[in-house]
Amino acid sequence: MSRRRSLGPKKKIALLVSAAAVAGAGAFAMASTSNASQDEQNANTLSAGDSTVCAGLATAFGNNEKFIEGQKTNPDAQSAARIANREAVLAQIKVQQQASGCVVGESAQDSQATQPSQAASAPAASAPAASAPAASAPAGNTGNAGNGGGAASGQQVCNGSTVTLSGEGGAPAASSNQFPAGTKLKVTNLDNNKSTTVEVTSVSGSCALLNNAAFELVREPGKFLIRRALIEKVG
C-alpha cells in the first residue's frame, strides 16, 4: 500500500507566502505597465496652447459651456431643449478632441485659447482680441442685446471677435447673442479671403458662431478657429 504524504503546517505556510509573493509581483508589473502607458499618453496629449486645432476645439467647447450656463441662469420655455442640444454638441467636440490628440474636455472662451504659431510671429496689432459677449444680454433672449442688433445693413459688426464652430450640423447657419433669428451675416476669413453669408437661426454665447457646414466654407485646413475675421450685417 502507498502512503500519501501530507504537508506539515510550516510547509503549507511557506507555499502560501510564495504564491502571494508571485501574485503580488504580477500585479505590480501590470500596474507599472499601465502607469507607463498612461504617462506616455499624457505626454503626447496637446493643450490649447500647443496646437491651433486644440485651441479651436477648446474655444468651441467653452462657448457652448457658456451658453449652457446662461440658459440655466436665465431659463425660458425652450431652455431645456437648447441645453440638451448643446450637451450633445459638447460630447461631439470631446470626440474630436480625442481624435486630434487634444486634452479631452479642455475649455476656453473666445480668444483665451492662444495659438503658439501665431502668437509668436504675428504683430500685436494683427491679432485683434476677442470681445466678450455683452454682459447685459441674457442667454435666454432672442438675441437683440448689445449694439449689433441695431446695426445698419452692410455695417461691420462683432469688431475684434474670433469665429469658431458650434459643432452643430445642418445647412450653413449661424447663432448669435446679439442678432435675432433671420438676420443675415457675411463672415470673411481674412487669412484666406474666403467668405460666406449665413442666416442667424438660434441663440449662442458669442456674437457670431458658425455651425459645421458654414465654418467649412471659410476655414483654413486643420484649423478650428478664425482669429482674423470680418463680420458684416447684410440683411
C-alpha atoms as a PDB file:
ATOM      1  CA  MET A   1       0.000   0.000   0.000  1.00  0.00           C
ATOM      2  CA  SER A   2       1.209   3.503  -0.853  1.00  0.00           C
ATOM      3  CA  ARG A   3       1.135   6.147   1.743  1.00  0.00           C
ATOM      4  CA  ARG A   4       0.074   9.707   0.874  1.00  0.00           C
ATOM      5  CA  ARG A   5       2.419  12.341   2.102  1.00  0.00           C
ATOM      6  CA  SER A   6       0.863  15.260   3.932  1.00  0.00           C
ATOM      7  CA  LEU A   7       2.494  18.653   4.215  1.00  0.00           C
ATOM      8  CA  GLY A   8       3.244  19.949   7.607  1.00  0.00           C
ATOM      9  CA  PRO A   9       1.858  23.330   8.795  1.00  0.00           C
ATOM     10  CA  LYS A  10       5.210  25.101   8.214  1.00  0.00           C
ATOM     11  CA  LYS A  11       5.460  23.882   4.607  1.00  0.00           C
ATOM     12  CA  LYS A  12       1.858  24.962   3.910  1.00  0.00           C
ATOM     13  CA  ILE A  13       2.573  28.471   5.215  1.00  0.00           C
ATOM     14  CA  ALA A  14       5.736  28.670   3.117  1.00  0.00           C
ATOM     15  CA  LEU A  15       3.842  27.700  -0.044  1.00  0.00           C
ATOM     16  CA  LEU A  16       1.092  30.245   0.641  1.00  0.00           C
ATOM     17  CA  VAL A  17       3.655  33.021   1.175  1.00  0.00           C
ATOM     18  CA  SER A  18       5.419  32.110  -2.094  1.00  0.00           C
ATOM     19  CA  ALA A  19       2.144  32.138  -4.022  1.00  0.00           C
ATOM     20  CA  ALA A  20       1.207  35.524  -2.565  1.00  0.00           C
ATOM     21  CA  ALA A  21       4.612  36.933  -3.486  1.00  0.00           C
ATOM     22  CA  VAL A  22       4.265  35.741  -7.096  1.00  0.00           C
ATOM     23  CA  ALA A  23       0.755  37.201  -7.375  1.00  0.00           C
ATOM     24  CA  GLY A  24       1.906  40.493  -5.882  1.00  0.00           C
ATOM     25  CA  ALA A  25       4.814  40.742  -8.285  1.00  0.00           C
ATOM     26  CA  GLY A  26       2.467  40.152 -11.216  1.00  0.00           C
ATOM     27  CA  ALA A  27       0.052  42.822 -10.023  1.00  0.00           C
ATOM     28  CA  PHE A  28       2.914  45.284  -9.530  1.00  0.00           C
ATOM     29  CA  ALA A  29       4.207  44.609 -13.045  1.00  0.00           C
ATOM     30  CA  MET A  30       0.754  45.158 -14.534  1.00  0.00           C
ATOM     31  CA  ALA A  31       0.301  48.393 -12.575  1.00  0.00           C
ATOM     32  CA  SER A  32       3.732  49.627 -13.646  1.00  0.00           C
ATOM     33  CA  THR A  33       2.948  48.876 -17.297  1.00  0.00           C
ATOM     34  CA  SER A  34      -0.420  50.632 -17.021  1.00  0.00           C
ATOM     35  CA  ASN A  35       1.109  53.701 -15.382  1.00  0.00           C
ATOM     36  CA  ALA A  36       3.858  53.873 -18.001  1.00  0.00           C
ATOM     37  CA  SER A  37       1.283  53.671 -20.776  1.00  0.00           C
ATOM     38  CA  GLN A  38      -0.803  56.411 -19.130  1.00  0.00           C
ATOM     39  CA  ASP A  39       2.257  58.645 -18.699  1.00  0.00           C
ATOM     40  CA  GLU A  40       3.163  58.185 -22.363  1.00  0.00           C
ATOM     41  CA  GLN A  41      -0.397  59.037 -23.412  1.00  0.00           C
ATOM     42  CA  ASN A  42      -0.410  62.176 -21.258  1.00  0.00           C
ATOM     43  CA  ALA A  43       2.950  63.232 -22.697  1.00  0.00           C
ATOM     44  CA  ASN A  44       1.528  63.014 -26.226  1.00  0.00           C
ATOM     45  CA  THR A  45      -1.666  64.958 -25.393  1.00  0.00           C
ATOM     46  CA  LEU A  46      -1.752  68.541 -26.654  1.00  0.00           C
ATOM     47  CA  SER A  47      -3.360  71.506 -24.932  1.00  0.00           C
ATOM     48  CA  ALA A  48      -4.864  74.631 -26.467  1.00  0.00           C
ATOM     49  CA  GLY A  49      -1.535  76.398 -26.106  1.00  0.00           C
ATOM     50  CA  ASP A  50       0.277  73.700 -28.091  1.00  0.00           C
ATOM     51  CA  SER A  51      -1.943  73.371 -31.156  1.00  0.00           C
ATOM     52  CA  THR A  52      -4.189  75.600 -33.254  1.00  0.00           C
ATOM     53  CA  VAL A  53      -6.564  72.670 -33.700  1.00  0.00           C
ATOM     54  CA  CYS A  54      -6.806  72.129 -29.941  1.00  0.00           C
ATOM     55  CA  ALA A  55      -7.223  75.880 -29.412  1.00  0.00           C
ATOM     56  CA  GLY A  56     -10.177  75.991 -31.779  1.00  0.00           C
ATOM     57  CA  LEU A  57     -11.843  72.952 -30.215  1.00  0.00           C
ATOM     58  CA  ALA A  58     -11.289  74.324 -26.706  1.00  0.00           C
ATOM     59  CA  THR A  59     -12.849  77.633 -27.754  1.00  0.00           C
ATOM     60  CA  ALA A  60     -15.872  75.877 -29.257  1.00  0.00           C
ATOM     61  CA  PHE A  61     -16.199  73.810 -26.073  1.00  0.00           C
ATOM     62  CA  GLY A  62     -16.003  76.927 -23.883  1.00  0.00           C
ATOM     63  CA  ASN A  63     -18.552  78.860 -25.930  1.00  0.00           C
ATOM     64  CA  ASN A  64     -21.044  76.019 -25.680  1.00  0.00           C
ATOM     65  CA  GLU A  65     -20.425  75.678 -21.947  1.00  0.00           C
ATOM     66  CA  LYS A  66     -21.034  79.404 -21.513  1.00  0.00           C
ATOM     67  CA  PHE A  67     -24.250  79.153 -23.483  1.00  0.00           C
ATOM     68  CA  ILE A  68     -25.498  76.299 -21.280  1.00  0.00           C
ATOM     69  CA  GLU A  69     -24.588  78.267 -18.151  1.00  0.00           C
ATOM     70  CA  GLY A  70     -26.548  81.263 -19.454  1.00  0.00           C
ATOM     71  CA  GLN A  71     -29.583  79.114 -20.181  1.00  0.00           C
ATOM     72  CA  LYS A  72     -29.510  77.711 -16.656  1.00  0.00           C
ATOM     73  CA  THR A  73     -29.143  81.197 -15.173  1.00  0.00           C
ATOM     74  CA  ASN A  74     -31.941  82.750 -17.251  1.00  0.00           C
ATOM     75  CA  PRO A  75     -34.191  79.861 -18.333  1.00  0.00           C
ATOM     76  CA  ASP A  76     -37.223  80.123 -20.582  1.00  0.00           C
ATOM     77  CA  ALA A  77     -39.639  77.648 -22.121  1.00  0.00           C
ATOM     78  CA  GLN A  78     -37.068  76.448 -24.668  1.00  0.00           C
ATOM     79  CA  SER A  79     -34.032  76.271 -22.363  1.00  0.00           C
ATOM     80  CA  ALA A  80     -34.260  72.546 -21.643  1.00  0.00           C
ATOM     81  CA  ALA A  81     -34.220  71.708 -25.358  1.00  0.00           C
ATOM     82  CA  ARG A  82     -31.378  74.138 -26.040  1.00  0.00           C
ATOM     83  CA  ILE A  83     -29.308  72.719 -23.181  1.00  0.00           C
ATOM     84  CA  ALA A  84     -29.858  69.137 -24.363  1.00  0.00           C
ATOM     85  CA  ASN A  85     -28.766  70.144 -27.861  1.00  0.00           C
ATOM     86  CA  ARG A  86     -25.600  71.871 -26.651  1.00  0.00           C
ATOM     87  CA  GLU A  87     -24.702  68.968 -24.349  1.00  0.00           C
ATOM     88  CA  ALA A  88     -24.800  66.732 -27.419  1.00  0.00           C
ATOM     89  CA  VAL A  89     -22.517  69.237 -29.161  1.00  0.00           C
ATOM     90  CA  LEU A  90     -20.082  69.092 -26.217  1.00  0.00           C
ATOM     91  CA  ALA A  91     -19.995  65.309 -26.473  1.00  0.00           C
ATOM     92  CA  GLN A  92     -19.150  65.565 -30.182  1.00  0.00           C
ATOM     93  CA  ILE A  93     -16.390  68.112 -29.513  1.00  0.00           C
ATOM     94  CA  LYS A  94     -14.876  65.712 -26.960  1.00  0.00           C
ATOM     95  CA  VAL A  95     -14.765  63.043 -29.660  1.00  0.00           C
ATOM     96  CA  GLN A  96     -12.987  65.497 -31.969  1.00  0.00           C
ATOM     97  CA  GLN A  97     -10.552  66.466 -29.207  1.00  0.00           C
ATOM     98  CA  GLN A  98      -9.629  62.851 -28.562  1.00  0.00           C
ATOM     99  CA  ALA A  99      -9.216  62.132 -32.272  1.00  0.00           C
ATOM    100  CA  SER A 100      -6.961  65.192 -32.632  1.00  0.00           C
ATOM    101  CA  GLY A 101      -4.768  64.255 -29.654  1.00  0.00           C
ATOM    102  CA  CYS A 102      -6.045  67.169 -27.558  1.00  0.00           C
ATOM    103  CA  VAL A 103      -6.941  67.304 -23.875  1.00  0.00           C
ATOM    104  CA  VAL A 104     -10.495  65.956 -23.778  1.00  0.00           C
ATOM    105  CA  GLY A 105     -12.894  68.437 -22.197  1.00  0.00           C
ATOM    106  CA  GLU A 106     -10.457  71.370 -22.276  1.00  0.00           C
ATOM    107  CA  SER A 107     -12.427  74.592 -22.305  1.00  0.00           C
ATOM    108  CA  ALA A 108     -11.585  78.142 -23.354  1.00  0.00           C
ATOM    109  CA  GLN A 109     -13.835  81.018 -24.368  1.00  0.00           C
ATOM    110  CA  ASP A 110     -13.330  83.368 -27.299  1.00  0.00           C
ATOM    111  CA  SER A 111      -9.614  84.144 -27.872  1.00  0.00           C
ATOM    112  CA  GLN A 112      -8.333  82.947 -24.493  1.00  0.00           C
ATOM    113  CA  ALA A 113      -7.045  79.769 -26.166  1.00  0.00           C
ATOM    114  CA  THR A 114      -3.739  81.044 -27.566  1.00  0.00           C
ATOM    115  CA  GLN A 115      -2.253  79.760 -30.768  1.00  0.00           C
ATOM    116  CA  PRO A 116       1.531  79.496 -30.373  1.00  0.00           C
ATOM    117  CA  SER A 117       2.372  79.647 -34.075  1.00  0.00           C
ATOM    118  CA  GLN A 118       0.564  82.952 -34.492  1.00  0.00           C
ATOM    119  CA  ALA A 119       1.235  84.413 -31.072  1.00  0.00           C
ATOM    120  CA  ALA A 120       4.978  84.088 -31.574  1.00  0.00           C
ATOM    121  CA  SER A 121       5.144  85.595 -35.050  1.00  0.00           C
ATOM    122  CA  ALA A 122       2.192  87.910 -35.601  1.00  0.00           C
ATOM    123  CA  PRO A 123       2.429  91.599 -34.582  1.00  0.00           C
ATOM    124  CA  ALA A 124       0.158  92.542 -31.711  1.00  0.00           C
ATOM    125  CA  ALA A 125      -1.950  94.769 -33.950  1.00  0.00           C
ATOM    126  CA  SER A 126      -2.647  91.986 -36.451  1.00  0.00           C
ATOM    127  CA  ALA A 127      -4.373  89.706 -33.958  1.00  0.00           C
ATOM    128  CA  PRO A 128      -7.368  91.584 -32.532  1.00  0.00           C
ATOM    129  CA  ALA A 129      -8.528  90.482 -29.134  1.00  0.00           C
ATOM    130  CA  ALA A 130     -11.938  88.867 -28.918  1.00  0.00           C
ATOM    131  CA  SER A 131     -14.737  90.918 -27.471  1.00  0.00           C
ATOM    132  CA  ALA A 132     -16.724  89.216 -24.768  1.00  0.00           C
ATOM    133  CA  PRO A 133     -20.484  88.802 -25.293  1.00  0.00           C
ATOM    134  CA  ALA A 134     -22.472  91.725 -23.941  1.00  0.00           C
ATOM    135  CA  ALA A 135     -22.994  91.294 -20.211  1.00  0.00           C
ATOM    136  CA  SER A 136     -26.498  92.725 -20.456  1.00  0.00           C
ATOM    137  CA  ALA A 137     -27.656  90.020 -22.852  1.00  0.00           C
ATOM    138  CA  PRO A 138     -29.452  87.216 -21.013  1.00  0.00           C
ATOM    139  CA  ALA A 139     -28.760  83.985 -22.832  1.00  0.00           C
ATOM    140  CA  GLY A 140     -32.419  83.044 -22.979  1.00  0.00           C
ATOM    141  CA  ASN A 141     -33.479  86.016 -25.087  1.00  0.00           C
ATOM    142  CA  THR A 142     -33.923  86.192 -28.855  1.00  0.00           C
ATOM    143  CA  GLY A 143     -30.595  87.890 -29.462  1.00  0.00           C
ATOM    144  CA  ASN A 144     -31.410  91.624 -29.527  1.00  0.00           C
ATOM    145  CA  ALA A 145     -28.892  92.667 -26.896  1.00  0.00           C
ATOM    146  CA  GLY A 146     -25.835  94.826 -27.467  1.00  0.00           C
ATOM    147  CA  ASN A 147     -25.157  97.288 -30.280  1.00  0.00           C
ATOM    148  CA  GLY A 148     -25.055  94.647 -33.019  1.00  0.00           C
ATOM    149  CA  GLY A 149     -28.818  94.173 -33.262  1.00  0.00           C
ATOM    150  CA  GLY A 150     -29.324  97.789 -34.269  1.00  0.00           C
ATOM    151  CA  ALA A 151     -26.520  97.910 -36.839  1.00  0.00           C
ATOM    152  CA  ALA A 152     -27.407  99.083 -40.352  1.00  0.00           C
ATOM    153  CA  SER A 153     -27.239  96.675 -43.276  1.00  0.00           C
ATOM    154  CA  GLY A 154     -23.701  96.480 -44.680  1.00  0.00           C
ATOM    155  CA  GLN A 155     -22.116  97.660 -41.431  1.00  0.00           C
ATOM    156  CA  GLN A 156     -19.218  95.808 -39.835  1.00  0.00           C
ATOM    157  CA  VAL A 157     -20.229  94.185 -36.545  1.00  0.00           C
ATOM    158  CA  CYS A 158     -18.707  91.999 -33.830  1.00  0.00           C
ATOM    159  CA  ASN A 159     -15.498  94.035 -34.051  1.00  0.00           C
ATOM    160  CA  GLY A 160     -12.488  92.083 -32.802  1.00  0.00           C
ATOM    161  CA  SER A 161     -14.396  88.827 -32.334  1.00  0.00           C
ATOM    162  CA  THR A 162     -12.893  85.495 -33.246  1.00  0.00           C
ATOM    163  CA  VAL A 163     -15.073  82.969 -35.049  1.00  0.00           C
ATOM    164  CA  THR A 164     -15.301  79.262 -34.347  1.00  0.00           C
ATOM    165  CA  LEU A 165     -17.755  76.420 -34.910  1.00  0.00           C
ATOM    166  CA  SER A 166     -20.629  75.322 -32.699  1.00  0.00           C
ATOM    167  CA  GLY A 167     -20.363  71.644 -33.601  1.00  0.00           C
ATOM    168  CA  GLU A 168     -23.967  71.629 -34.852  1.00  0.00           C
ATOM    169  CA  GLY A 169     -24.984  70.007 -38.120  1.00  0.00           C
ATOM    170  CA  GLY A 170     -27.454  71.072 -40.778  1.00  0.00           C
ATOM    171  CA  ALA A 171     -27.330  73.601 -43.613  1.00  0.00           C
ATOM    172  CA  PRO A 172     -24.917  76.552 -43.236  1.00  0.00           C
ATOM    173  CA  ALA A 173     -26.193  78.835 -40.478  1.00  0.00           C
ATOM    174  CA  ALA A 174     -25.067  80.951 -37.538  1.00  0.00           C
ATOM    175  CA  SER A 175     -26.100  81.599 -33.961  1.00  0.00           C
ATOM    176  CA  SER A 176     -25.635  84.825 -32.026  1.00  0.00           C
ATOM    177  CA  ASN A 177     -26.238  86.613 -28.747  1.00  0.00           C
ATOM    178  CA  GLN A 178     -26.637  89.991 -30.480  1.00  0.00           C
ATOM    179  CA  PHE A 179     -28.723  89.360 -33.598  1.00  0.00           C
ATOM    180  CA  PRO A 180     -32.257  87.952 -33.806  1.00  0.00           C
ATOM    181  CA  ALA A 181     -33.165  84.931 -35.906  1.00  0.00           C
ATOM    182  CA  GLY A 182     -33.445  85.860 -39.556  1.00  0.00           C
ATOM    183  CA  THR A 183     -30.502  88.282 -39.548  1.00  0.00           C
ATOM    184  CA  LYS A 184     -28.012  87.647 -42.344  1.00  0.00           C
ATOM    185  CA  LEU A 185     -24.304  87.903 -41.586  1.00  0.00           C
ATOM    186  CA  LYS A 186     -21.389  87.825 -44.004  1.00  0.00           C
ATOM    187  CA  VAL A 187     -18.315  86.246 -42.431  1.00  0.00           C
ATOM    188  CA  THR A 188     -14.924  86.675 -44.110  1.00  0.00           C
ATOM    189  CA  ASN A 189     -11.775  84.847 -43.042  1.00  0.00           C
ATOM    190  CA  LEU A 190      -9.057  87.460 -43.620  1.00  0.00           C
ATOM    191  CA  ASP A 191      -6.343  84.791 -43.558  1.00  0.00           C
ATOM    192  CA  ASN A 192      -7.609  83.097 -46.747  1.00  0.00           C
ATOM    193  CA  ASN A 193     -10.140  85.665 -48.053  1.00  0.00           C
ATOM    194  CA  LYS A 194     -12.968  83.114 -48.056  1.00  0.00           C
ATOM    195  CA  SER A 195     -16.451  84.447 -47.290  1.00  0.00           C
ATOM    196  CA  THR A 196     -19.899  83.049 -46.612  1.00  0.00           C
ATOM    197  CA  THR A 197     -23.260  84.672 -45.947  1.00  0.00           C
ATOM    198  CA  VAL A 198     -25.411  82.843 -43.412  1.00  0.00           C
ATOM    199  CA  GLU A 199     -28.663  83.389 -41.580  1.00  0.00           C
ATOM    200  CA  VAL A 200     -28.874  83.525 -37.781  1.00  0.00           C
ATOM    201  CA  THR A 201     -31.145  80.691 -36.687  1.00  0.00           C
ATOM    202  CA  SER A 202     -30.553  80.405 -32.944  1.00  0.00           C
ATOM    203  CA  VAL A 203     -29.021  81.950 -29.832  1.00  0.00           C
ATOM    204  CA  SER A 204     -25.433  81.306 -28.684  1.00  0.00           C
ATOM    205  CA  GLY A 205     -22.903  82.731 -26.254  1.00  0.00           C
ATOM    206  CA  SER A 206     -20.961  84.558 -29.000  1.00  0.00           C
ATOM    207  CA  CYS A 207     -21.583  87.480 -31.321  1.00  0.00           C
ATOM    208  CA  ALA A 208     -21.343  85.119 -34.290  1.00  0.00           C
ATOM    209  CA  LEU A 209     -20.918  81.357 -34.071  1.00  0.00           C
ATOM    210  CA  LEU A 210     -20.959  79.234 -37.230  1.00  0.00           C
ATOM    211  CA  ASN A 211     -22.284  75.712 -37.460  1.00  0.00           C
ATOM    212  CA  ASN A 212     -20.137  72.989 -39.017  1.00  0.00           C
ATOM    213  CA  ALA A 213     -21.303  73.467 -42.614  1.00  0.00           C
ATOM    214  CA  ALA A 214     -20.828  77.247 -42.547  1.00  0.00           C
ATOM    215  CA  PHE A 215     -17.415  77.003 -40.907  1.00  0.00           C
ATOM    216  CA  GLU A 216     -16.212  74.564 -43.574  1.00  0.00           C
ATOM    217  CA  LEU A 217     -16.853  77.241 -46.218  1.00  0.00           C
ATOM    218  CA  VAL A 218     -14.349  79.683 -44.701  1.00  0.00           C
ATOM    219  CA  ARG A 219     -11.941  77.633 -42.622  1.00  0.00           C
ATOM    220  CA  GLU A 220      -8.273  77.000 -43.218  1.00  0.00           C
ATOM    221  CA  PRO A 221      -7.347  73.292 -43.383  1.00  0.00           C
ATOM    222  CA  GLY A 222      -6.771  71.829 -39.930  1.00  0.00           C
ATOM    223  CA  LYS A 223      -7.921  74.922 -38.039  1.00  0.00           C
ATOM    224  CA  PHE A 224     -10.981  75.292 -35.833  1.00  0.00           C
ATOM    225  CA  LEU A 225     -10.626  78.986 -35.030  1.00  0.00           C
ATOM    226  CA  ILE A 226     -10.632  82.130 -37.187  1.00  0.00           C
ATOM    227  CA  ARG A 227      -8.671  84.804 -35.360  1.00  0.00           C
ATOM    228  CA  ARG A 228      -8.846  87.441 -38.120  1.00  0.00           C
ATOM    229  CA  ALA A 229     -12.477  87.676 -39.160  1.00  0.00           C
ATOM    230  CA  LEU A 230     -14.577  90.389 -40.783  1.00  0.00           C
ATOM    231  CA  ILE A 231     -18.250  90.105 -39.898  1.00  0.00           C
ATOM    232  CA  GLU A 232     -20.851  92.275 -41.645  1.00  0.00           C
ATOM    233  CA  LYS A 233     -24.588  92.543 -41.204  1.00  0.00           C
ATOM    234  CA  VAL A 234     -26.065  92.286 -44.698  1.00  0.00           C
ATOM    235  CA  GLY A 235     -29.731  91.705 -44.034  1.00  0.00           C
END
